[in-house]
């Protein structure tokens, strides 16, 4: 079974719908429990690129400060 990327820092960016803790989309978080191991691995493989993409940076400055302060 593929472990969850959740780090218990759930902050959803209202523009991108990405969690700033695990970088999954809301639909991926909701479906995680029913996803196949292959689907989970596919999501996990996308996460590093999502984190590195400046377009995914938090749009809400309050969320941005909180996300940066936890790194």
Foldseek 3Di string as FASTA:
>chain_A
DDDQQAPPQADAQPPPCAGLRRRDHPVCVVCVVVDDPVVVVVRVVCRVVLVVDPVNQRPDVVVNVVSVVVD
